[in-house]
Amino acid sequence: MNDSFGDFNGTQTATAGATKESSGEGIISLLVKQILDSPEGNFKMFDVTYALVCVVGIVRNVETSSTKITYTLEDHSGRIDAHYWLEEGDAIKAPDVMINNYVKIYGSVRPQAGQKVLMVFKLINVLDPNEVCTHVLEALHSRYKAEEYHVKGNSSQAPSDSTMSNVSASQSNAIVAGLDSKQLAVFQAIKSNCSEEGINRRELKAKFSHISQTELNNILDFMISEGHIYSSIDPDHFICTM
């Protein structure tokens, strides 16, 4: 397996994915093999479930269809496919990725045809080779800290997702701190919804009748672009990433 550094040219692009993962909070940095060896469902380490994982690797192949773009991602530990689902008109906004370039992907782990795949929530081109080394160290650190908290939890206090996650509680608060009152209210409504497919745009409009449809659409588009929410089964159902 070739784990050369490849080409680091390219520009940074961030985008929202389109799939539902139930339960779990926070983000954890991982190697591909850790994902491939994990059980079904959201990624779980030492009894803590994570909503999103972060992986860095070389893009070895790109396949584009009318509904999705599939990236074959490789690091020194293995290969995995990552699906970026396209909504209507998304093709021109799809990440600008070149084969044999390094990327960082945030996404959820899903089973597909007996194999693990990533559903892309956010994709960033890696422009600095030091980020690759840093990611490997972060993945190792996550593993050992998870075990450390697990051992302490058995003898004293059970670990919480907010403690274990690479996104701490203070970081999570900072993520939504930039929202105004209307945006925050919509965000909380989406976050509190427990359905598998997420909350529907019509439900949100019914909850916030004082917000015009145009303003609500702008709020949703803004929060998608900022990575606070993503669409699930279609462009009118939304799930919170936190």
Protein backbone atom coordinates (compact mmCIF):
# COMPACT_ATOMS: atom_id res chain seq x y z
CA MET A 1 0.00 0.00 0.00
CA ASN A 2 1.41 3.37 -0.98
CA ASP A 3 1.35 5.89 1.85
CA SER A 4 3.42 8.56 0.14
CA PHE A 5 2.41 12.14 0.78
CA GLY A 6 0.99 12.66 -2.71
CA ASP A 7 0.19 16.13 -4.04
CA PHE A 8 -0.69 18.91 -1.59
CA ASN A 9 -2.01 21.38 -4.15
CA GLY A 10 -5.67 22.36 -4.01
CA THR A 11 -8.08 24.59 -2.17
CA GLN A 12 -10.07 24.04 0.99
CA THR A 13 -13.74 23.15 0.60
CA ALA A 14 -16.32 22.33 3.28
CA THR A 15 -19.70 20.76 2.67
CA ALA A 16 -22.56 19.09 4.48
CA GLY A 17 -23.42 15.42 3.97
CA ALA A 18 -26.83 13.81 3.92
CA THR A 19 -27.52 10.87 6.18
CA LYS A 20 -28.90 10.08 9.62
CA GLU A 21 -26.93 8.60 12.50
CA SER A 22 -28.77 7.99 15.73
CA SER A 23 -27.26 8.70 19.17
CA GLY A 24 -23.70 9.59 19.98
CA GLU A 25 -22.04 12.95 20.45
CA GLY A 26 -18.79 14.60 19.48
CA ILE A 27 -16.01 13.78 17.03
CA ILE A 28 -13.09 11.36 17.33
CA SER A 29 -9.94 11.18 15.18
CA LEU A 30 -9.35 7.69 13.79
CA LEU A 31 -7.33 5.58 11.39
CA VAL A 32 -9.20 3.74 8.63
CA LYS A 33 -8.51 0.31 10.17
CA GLN A 34 -10.21 1.35 13.41
CA ILE A 35 -13.38 2.07 11.45
CA LEU A 36 -13.19 -1.14 9.42
CA ASP A 37 -12.73 -3.21 12.60
CA SER A 38 -15.55 -1.48 14.50
CA PRO A 39 -18.98 -3.06 15.15
CA GLU A 40 -22.18 -1.98 13.39
CA GLY A 41 -23.66 1.47 14.01
CA ASN A 42 -22.05 4.68 15.18
CA PHE A 43 -18.37 4.36 16.04
CA LYS A 44 -17.91 3.26 19.63
CA MET A 45 -14.74 3.16 21.72
CA PHE A 46 -14.70 1.89 25.32
CA ASP A 47 -18.48 2.19 25.67
CA VAL A 48 -18.56 5.78 24.41
CA THR A 49 -20.44 6.38 21.14
CA TYR A 50 -19.39 9.15 18.75
CA ALA A 51 -21.67 10.86 16.23
CA LEU A 52 -18.86 11.74 13.81
CA VAL A 53 -15.37 10.50 13.02
CA CYS A 54 -12.44 12.34 11.46
CA VAL A 55 -10.14 10.57 8.99
CA VAL A 56 -7.17 11.81 6.95
CA GLY A 57 -6.02 9.94 3.87
CA ILE A 58 -5.15 10.00 0.18
CA VAL A 59 -7.97 10.04 -2.37
CA ARG A 60 -7.24 7.06 -4.62
CA ASN A 61 -10.40 7.15 -6.73
CA VAL A 62 -13.42 9.37 -7.37
CA GLU A 63 -16.70 8.11 -8.86
CA THR A 64 -19.53 10.53 -9.63
CA SER A 65 -23.19 9.63 -10.18
CA SER A 66 -26.39 11.68 -10.29
CA THR A 67 -26.98 11.22 -6.55
CA LYS A 68 -23.55 11.00 -4.95
CA ILE A 69 -19.78 11.24 -5.25
CA THR A 70 -17.80 8.30 -3.89
CA TYR A 71 -14.23 8.91 -2.74
CA THR A 72 -11.93 5.96 -2.08
CA LEU A 73 -9.77 7.08 0.85
CA GLU A 74 -6.53 5.37 1.88
CA ASP A 75 -4.20 5.77 4.82
CA HIS A 76 -1.37 3.47 5.94
CA SER A 77 -3.87 1.22 7.75
CA GLY A 78 -6.47 0.55 5.05
CA ARG A 79 -8.99 1.81 2.49
CA ILE A 80 -12.58 2.96 2.86
CA ASP A 81 -15.23 4.52 0.60
CA ALA A 82 -16.72 7.86 1.56
CA HIS A 83 -20.04 8.99 0.05
CA TYR A 84 -20.88 12.64 -0.51
CA TRP A 85 -24.61 12.80 -1.27
CA LEU A 86 -25.75 15.34 -3.82
CA GLU A 87 -28.88 17.42 -3.54
CA GLU A 88 -30.43 19.15 -6.52
CA GLY A 89 -27.97 21.70 -7.88
CA ASP A 90 -25.16 20.46 -5.60
CA ALA A 91 -22.93 19.21 -8.40
CA ILE A 92 -21.38 22.63 -8.92
CA LYS A 93 -20.82 22.98 -5.15
CA ALA A 94 -19.22 19.55 -4.71
CA PRO A 95 -15.76 19.48 -3.10
CA ASP A 96 -12.91 20.18 -5.50
CA VAL A 97 -10.77 17.09 -4.90
CA MET A 98 -7.93 15.65 -6.97
CA ILE A 99 -6.83 12.01 -6.99
CA ASN A 100 -3.65 11.34 -4.96
CA ASN A 101 -4.25 14.41 -2.82
CA TYR A 102 -4.69 14.21 0.93
CA VAL A 103 -8.05 15.18 2.43
CA LYS A 104 -9.59 15.32 5.88
CA ILE A 105 -13.11 13.93 6.12
CA TYR A 106 -15.64 14.35 8.90
CA GLY A 107 -18.49 11.88 8.63
CA SER A 108 -20.59 9.15 10.14
CA VAL A 109 -19.91 5.41 9.87
CA ARG A 110 -22.54 3.31 8.10
CA PRO A 111 -22.75 -0.32 6.92
CA GLN A 112 -23.30 -0.86 3.21
CA ALA A 113 -23.31 -4.21 1.38
CA GLY A 114 -21.45 -5.82 4.27
CA GLN A 115 -18.76 -3.16 4.37
CA LYS A 116 -18.16 0.02 6.39
CA VAL A 117 -18.46 3.32 4.55
CA LEU A 118 -18.30 6.98 5.55
CA MET A 119 -21.16 9.40 4.92
CA VAL A 120 -19.38 12.69 4.33
CA PHE A 121 -20.47 15.63 6.43
CA LYS A 122 -17.45 17.82 5.72
CA LEU A 123 -14.42 17.42 3.43
CA ILE A 124 -11.29 19.57 3.53
CA ASN A 125 -8.25 19.41 1.29
CA VAL A 126 -5.06 18.96 3.32
CA LEU A 127 -2.49 21.51 2.22
CA ASP A 128 0.20 20.89 4.85
CA PRO A 129 1.85 17.43 5.19
CA ASN A 130 2.30 18.09 8.90
CA GLU A 131 -1.48 17.70 9.26
CA VAL A 132 -1.14 14.04 8.26
CA CYS A 133 1.37 13.35 11.05
CA THR A 134 -0.70 15.39 13.47
CA HIS A 135 -3.81 13.38 12.67
CA VAL A 136 -2.04 10.08 13.37
CA LEU A 137 -0.91 11.44 16.75
CA GLU A 138 -4.47 12.64 17.47
CA ALA A 139 -5.83 9.18 16.64
CA LEU A 140 -3.34 7.54 19.01
CA HIS A 141 -4.07 10.11 21.71
CA SER A 142 -7.83 9.55 21.35
CA ARG A 143 -7.36 5.81 21.77
CA TYR A 144 -5.23 6.05 24.90
CA LYS A 145 -7.31 8.80 26.51
CA ALA A 146 -10.46 6.77 25.86
CA GLU A 147 -8.93 3.79 27.64
CA GLU A 148 -7.71 5.98 30.49
CA TYR A 149 -11.14 7.47 31.10
CA HIS A 150 -12.73 4.04 30.77
CA VAL A 151 -10.48 2.63 33.51
CA LYS A 152 -11.13 5.62 35.77
CA GLY A 153 -14.84 5.33 35.09
CA ASN A 154 -14.90 1.73 36.29
CA SER A 155 -13.38 2.72 39.62
CA SER A 156 -14.90 6.14 40.23
CA GLN A 157 -17.03 8.04 37.73
CA ALA A 158 -18.36 6.90 34.38
CA PRO A 159 -16.97 8.88 31.44
CA SER A 160 -19.31 11.16 29.54
CA ASP A 161 -19.35 11.77 25.79
CA SER A 162 -18.53 15.43 26.32
CA THR A 163 -15.46 14.50 28.35
CA MET A 164 -14.26 11.83 25.95
CA SER A 165 -14.87 13.61 22.70
CA ASN A 166 -12.27 15.60 20.80
CA VAL A 167 -14.94 18.31 20.83
CA SER A 168 -15.20 19.36 24.45
CA ALA A 169 -18.27 20.93 26.02
CA SER A 170 -16.69 24.37 25.89
CA GLN A 171 -15.80 23.88 22.21
CA SER A 172 -19.35 22.74 21.48
CA ASN A 173 -20.77 25.85 23.15
CA ALA A 174 -18.38 27.99 21.13
CA ILE A 175 -19.60 26.38 17.91
CA VAL A 176 -23.15 27.65 18.42
CA ALA A 177 -22.22 30.82 20.29
CA GLY A 178 -22.16 32.80 17.03
CA LEU A 179 -25.84 32.19 16.29
CA ASP A 180 -28.37 34.94 16.83
CA SER A 181 -31.56 34.33 18.82
CA LYS A 182 -33.65 33.10 15.88
CA GLN A 183 -30.90 30.87 14.54
CA LEU A 184 -30.29 29.41 18.00
CA ALA A 185 -34.00 28.73 18.50
CA VAL A 186 -34.20 26.85 15.19
CA PHE A 187 -30.99 25.00 16.03
CA GLN A 188 -32.39 23.86 19.39
CA ALA A 189 -35.63 22.71 17.72
CA ILE A 190 -33.65 20.58 15.28
CA LYS A 191 -31.41 19.23 18.04
CA SER A 192 -34.35 18.24 20.24
CA ASN A 193 -36.03 16.23 17.47
CA CYS A 194 -35.48 12.49 18.02
CA SER A 195 -36.88 11.02 14.80
CA GLU A 196 -34.66 8.92 12.54
CA GLU A 197 -35.16 11.15 9.51
CA GLY A 198 -34.83 14.47 11.35
CA ILE A 199 -37.26 17.36 11.53
CA ASN A 200 -39.16 18.48 8.45
CA ARG A 201 -38.99 22.02 7.09
CA ARG A 202 -42.79 22.27 7.43
CA GLU A 203 -42.59 21.32 11.11
CA LEU A 204 -40.04 24.04 11.68
CA LYS A 205 -42.25 26.59 9.93
CA ALA A 206 -45.17 25.55 12.14
CA LYS A 207 -43.02 25.95 15.27
CA PHE A 208 -41.76 29.36 14.18
CA SER A 209 -44.77 30.97 12.55
CA HIS A 210 -43.32 34.42 13.32
CA ILE A 211 -40.39 33.68 10.98
CA SER A 212 -41.10 34.03 7.28
CA GLN A 213 -40.44 31.08 5.00
CA THR A 214 -37.67 32.99 3.24
CA GLU A 215 -35.95 33.87 6.52
CA LEU A 216 -36.29 30.29 7.78
CA ASN A 217 -34.75 28.97 4.56
CA ASN A 218 -31.87 31.42 4.96
CA ILE A 219 -31.34 30.30 8.57
CA LEU A 220 -31.26 26.64 7.54
CA ASP A 221 -28.90 27.32 4.64
CA PHE A 222 -26.60 29.29 6.96
CA MET A 223 -26.49 26.56 9.60
CA ILE A 224 -25.78 23.91 6.95
CA SER A 225 -22.92 25.98 5.55
CA GLU A 226 -21.54 26.49 9.07
CA GLY A 227 -21.74 22.76 9.85
CA HIS A 228 -24.34 22.98 12.63
CA ILE A 229 -26.92 20.82 10.81
CA TYR A 230 -27.17 18.65 7.73
CA SER A 231 -29.96 17.31 5.52
CA SER A 232 -30.92 13.65 5.85
CA ILE A 233 -33.39 11.72 3.69
CA ASP A 234 -34.12 14.70 1.44
CA PRO A 235 -33.41 18.45 1.29
CA ASP A 236 -36.36 19.19 3.61
CA HIS A 237 -35.34 17.06 6.63
CA PHE A 238 -32.63 18.25 9.00
CA ILE A 239 -30.47 16.71 11.73
CA CYS A 240 -28.20 18.43 14.22
CA THR A 241 -24.51 17.48 14.12
CA MET A 242 -23.96 18.02 17.86
